[in-house]
């Protein structure tokens, strides 16, 4: 079992350095839910299918990440508060290469 460290800034601006397992096929959205860093029902509403953008986050470090899929790109093109470093947390599966990754949860869409 191999854990890495990921820093997540929640929607209130608080930073949380959390342990992220690399052997459970988890993604950033699931990690946020596991550590309860967003109120229930405000993140991962579609269940991680890249269909809602409720798990949008800003990647604040230069880590090798999986290429954006067409579905992720399409969802972000319709989302609010999108920046150049926006990604959907449900599409970022945790890997050892992400050790030290820093992400910030995008504001909740209203």
C-alpha atoms as a PDB file:
ATOM      1  CA  UNK A   1       0.000   0.000   0.000  1.00  0.00           C
ATOM      2  CA  UNK A   2       1.389   3.359  -1.024  1.00  0.00           C
ATOM      3  CA  UNK A   3       0.022   6.723   0.078  1.00  0.00           C
ATOM      4  CA  UNK A   4       0.990  10.099  -1.304  1.00  0.00           C
ATOM      5  CA  UNK A   5       0.330  13.606   0.009  1.00  0.00           C
ATOM      6  CA  UNK A   6      -2.124  15.913  -1.750  1.00  0.00           C
ATOM      7  CA  UNK A   7      -3.038  19.390  -0.538  1.00  0.00           C
ATOM      8  CA  UNK A   8      -6.645  20.415  -1.074  1.00  0.00           C
ATOM      9  CA  UNK A   9      -7.860  23.957  -0.493  1.00  0.00           C
ATOM     10  CA  UNK A  10     -11.553  23.840   0.357  1.00  0.00           C
ATOM     11  CA  UNK A  11     -14.170  26.381  -0.696  1.00  0.00           C
ATOM     12  CA  UNK A  12     -13.612  28.364   2.521  1.00  0.00           C
ATOM     13  CA  UNK A  13      -9.905  28.759   1.708  1.00  0.00           C
ATOM     14  CA  UNK A  14      -8.631  26.284   4.331  1.00  0.00           C
ATOM     15  CA  UNK A  15      -5.731  24.071   3.216  1.00  0.00           C
ATOM     16  CA  UNK A  16      -5.756  20.364   4.052  1.00  0.00           C
ATOM     17  CA  UNK A  17      -2.775  18.074   3.461  1.00  0.00           C
ATOM     18  CA  UNK A  18      -4.262  14.601   3.156  1.00  0.00           C
ATOM     19  CA  UNK A  19      -3.017  11.074   2.593  1.00  0.00           C
ATOM     20  CA  UNK A  20      -4.157   9.701  -0.742  1.00  0.00           C
ATOM     21  CA  UNK A  21      -3.955   5.974  -1.498  1.00  0.00           C
ATOM     22  CA  UNK A  22      -2.540   5.081  -4.903  1.00  0.00           C
ATOM     23  CA  UNK A  23      -3.752   1.478  -4.802  1.00  0.00           C
ATOM     24  CA  UNK A  24      -7.530   1.993  -4.578  1.00  0.00           C
ATOM     25  CA  UNK A  25      -8.287   3.598  -7.991  1.00  0.00           C
ATOM     26  CA  UNK A  26      -9.642   6.693  -6.201  1.00  0.00           C
ATOM     27  CA  UNK A  27      -9.952  10.091  -7.809  1.00  0.00           C
ATOM     28  CA  UNK A  28      -9.698  13.619  -6.394  1.00  0.00           C
ATOM     29  CA  UNK A  29     -13.492  13.956  -6.067  1.00  0.00           C
ATOM     30  CA  UNK A  30     -13.658  10.762  -3.983  1.00  0.00           C
ATOM     31  CA  UNK A  31     -10.751  11.973  -1.860  1.00  0.00           C
ATOM     32  CA  UNK A  32     -12.575  15.237  -1.105  1.00  0.00           C
ATOM     33  CA  UNK A  33     -15.655  13.242  -0.127  1.00  0.00           C
ATOM     34  CA  UNK A  34     -13.672  10.791   2.015  1.00  0.00           C
ATOM     35  CA  UNK A  35     -12.154  13.631   4.041  1.00  0.00           C
ATOM     36  CA  UNK A  36     -15.465  15.568   4.074  1.00  0.00           C
ATOM     37  CA  UNK A  37     -13.842  18.707   2.640  1.00  0.00           C
ATOM     38  CA  UNK A  38     -17.072  19.857   0.965  1.00  0.00           C
ATOM     39  CA  UNK A  39     -20.624  19.718   2.316  1.00  0.00           C
ATOM     40  CA  UNK A  40     -22.457  16.544   1.338  1.00  0.00           C
ATOM     41  CA  UNK A  41     -24.441  16.957  -1.842  1.00  0.00           C
ATOM     42  CA  UNK A  42     -22.202  19.719  -3.230  1.00  0.00           C
ATOM     43  CA  UNK A  43     -19.488  17.655  -4.894  1.00  0.00           C
ATOM     44  CA  UNK A  44     -19.717  14.691  -7.227  1.00  0.00           C
ATOM     45  CA  UNK A  45     -23.447  15.088  -7.792  1.00  0.00           C
ATOM     46  CA  UNK A  46     -23.335  12.995 -10.983  1.00  0.00           C
ATOM     47  CA  UNK A  47     -21.347  10.255  -9.250  1.00  0.00           C
ATOM     48  CA  UNK A  48     -18.118  10.898 -11.126  1.00  0.00           C
ATOM     49  CA  UNK A  49     -19.408  10.602 -14.692  1.00  0.00           C
ATOM     50  CA  UNK A  50     -18.037  14.006 -15.894  1.00  0.00           C
ATOM     51  CA  UNK A  51     -21.612  15.230 -16.290  1.00  0.00           C
ATOM     52  CA  UNK A  52     -22.031  18.012 -13.709  1.00  0.00           C
ATOM     53  CA  UNK A  53     -18.771  19.899 -12.936  1.00  0.00           C
ATOM     54  CA  UNK A  54     -19.591  19.994  -9.205  1.00  0.00           C
ATOM     55  CA  UNK A  55     -16.108  18.564  -8.565  1.00  0.00           C
ATOM     56  CA  UNK A  56     -14.298  21.205 -10.626  1.00  0.00           C
ATOM     57  CA  UNK A  57     -10.962  22.111  -9.117  1.00  0.00           C
ATOM     58  CA  UNK A  58      -7.994  24.270  -9.991  1.00  0.00           C
ATOM     59  CA  UNK A  59      -4.665  22.449 -10.275  1.00  0.00           C
ATOM     60  CA  UNK A  60      -2.088  24.758  -8.686  1.00  0.00           C
ATOM     61  CA  UNK A  61       1.059  22.693  -9.237  1.00  0.00           C
ATOM     62  CA  UNK A  62       2.804  21.397 -12.340  1.00  0.00           C
ATOM     63  CA  UNK A  63       2.270  17.644 -12.092  1.00  0.00           C
ATOM     64  CA  UNK A  64       1.878  15.144 -14.928  1.00  0.00           C
ATOM     65  CA  UNK A  65      -1.861  14.558 -15.185  1.00  0.00           C
ATOM     66  CA  UNK A  66      -3.954  12.433 -17.521  1.00  0.00           C
ATOM     67  CA  UNK A  67      -5.015  14.157 -20.730  1.00  0.00           C
ATOM     68  CA  UNK A  68      -8.436  15.771 -20.616  1.00  0.00           C
ATOM     69  CA  UNK A  69     -11.107  13.599 -22.250  1.00  0.00           C
ATOM     70  CA  UNK A  70     -13.653  15.004 -24.697  1.00  0.00           C
ATOM     71  CA  UNK A  71     -16.376  14.571 -22.037  1.00  0.00           C
ATOM     72  CA  UNK A  72     -14.366  16.496 -19.439  1.00  0.00           C
ATOM     73  CA  UNK A  73     -13.551  19.257 -21.912  1.00  0.00           C
ATOM     74  CA  UNK A  74     -17.213  19.545 -22.954  1.00  0.00           C
ATOM     75  CA  UNK A  75     -18.400  19.740 -19.351  1.00  0.00           C
ATOM     76  CA  UNK A  76     -15.863  22.426 -18.464  1.00  0.00           C
ATOM     77  CA  UNK A  77     -16.880  24.436 -21.531  1.00  0.00           C
ATOM     78  CA  UNK A  78     -20.353  24.751 -19.967  1.00  0.00           C
ATOM     79  CA  UNK A  79     -19.303  25.189 -16.318  1.00  0.00           C
ATOM     80  CA  UNK A  80     -19.026  28.376 -14.278  1.00  0.00           C
ATOM     81  CA  UNK A  81     -15.808  29.751 -12.735  1.00  0.00           C
ATOM     82  CA  UNK A  82     -13.584  27.910 -15.236  1.00  0.00           C
ATOM     83  CA  UNK A  83      -9.896  28.850 -15.366  1.00  0.00           C
ATOM     84  CA  UNK A  84      -7.003  27.623 -17.524  1.00  0.00           C
ATOM     85  CA  UNK A  85      -5.998  25.196 -14.759  1.00  0.00           C
ATOM     86  CA  UNK A  86      -9.536  23.796 -14.245  1.00  0.00           C
ATOM     87  CA  UNK A  87     -10.066  20.054 -14.180  1.00  0.00           C
ATOM     88  CA  UNK A  88     -12.846  17.769 -13.005  1.00  0.00           C
ATOM     89  CA  UNK A  89     -11.726  16.005  -9.836  1.00  0.00           C
ATOM     90  CA  UNK A  90     -13.610  12.862 -10.850  1.00  0.00           C
ATOM     91  CA  UNK A  91     -11.352  12.530 -13.901  1.00  0.00           C
ATOM     92  CA  UNK A  92      -8.084  12.771 -11.943  1.00  0.00           C
ATOM     93  CA  UNK A  93      -7.317   9.270 -10.699  1.00  0.00           C
ATOM     94  CA  UNK A  94      -4.722   9.276  -7.946  1.00  0.00           C
ATOM     95  CA  UNK A  95      -1.293   7.984  -8.933  1.00  0.00           C
ATOM     96  CA  UNK A  96       2.180   8.083  -7.411  1.00  0.00           C
ATOM     97  CA  UNK A  97       3.146  10.844  -9.885  1.00  0.00           C
ATOM     98  CA  UNK A  98       0.665  13.138  -8.107  1.00  0.00           C
ATOM     99  CA  UNK A  99       2.659  13.209  -4.847  1.00  0.00           C
ATOM    100  CA  UNK A 100       2.679  16.831  -3.663  1.00  0.00           C
ATOM    101  CA  UNK A 101      -0.212  17.868  -5.935  1.00  0.00           C
ATOM    102  CA  UNK A 102      -2.082  20.984  -4.823  1.00  0.00           C
ATOM    103  CA  UNK A 103      -5.666  21.605  -5.901  1.00  0.00           C
ATOM    104  CA  UNK A 104      -8.279  24.161  -4.936  1.00  0.00           C
ATOM    105  CA  UNK A 105     -11.997  23.439  -5.092  1.00  0.00           C
ATOM    106  CA  UNK A 106     -13.789  25.788  -7.484  1.00  0.00           C
ATOM    107  CA  UNK A 107     -16.608  27.862  -5.967  1.00  0.00           C
ATOM    108  CA  UNK A 108     -19.963  26.120  -5.853  1.00  0.00           C
ATOM    109  CA  UNK A 109     -22.056  26.935  -8.918  1.00  0.00           C
ATOM    110  CA  UNK A 110     -25.100  28.971  -7.985  1.00  0.00           C
END
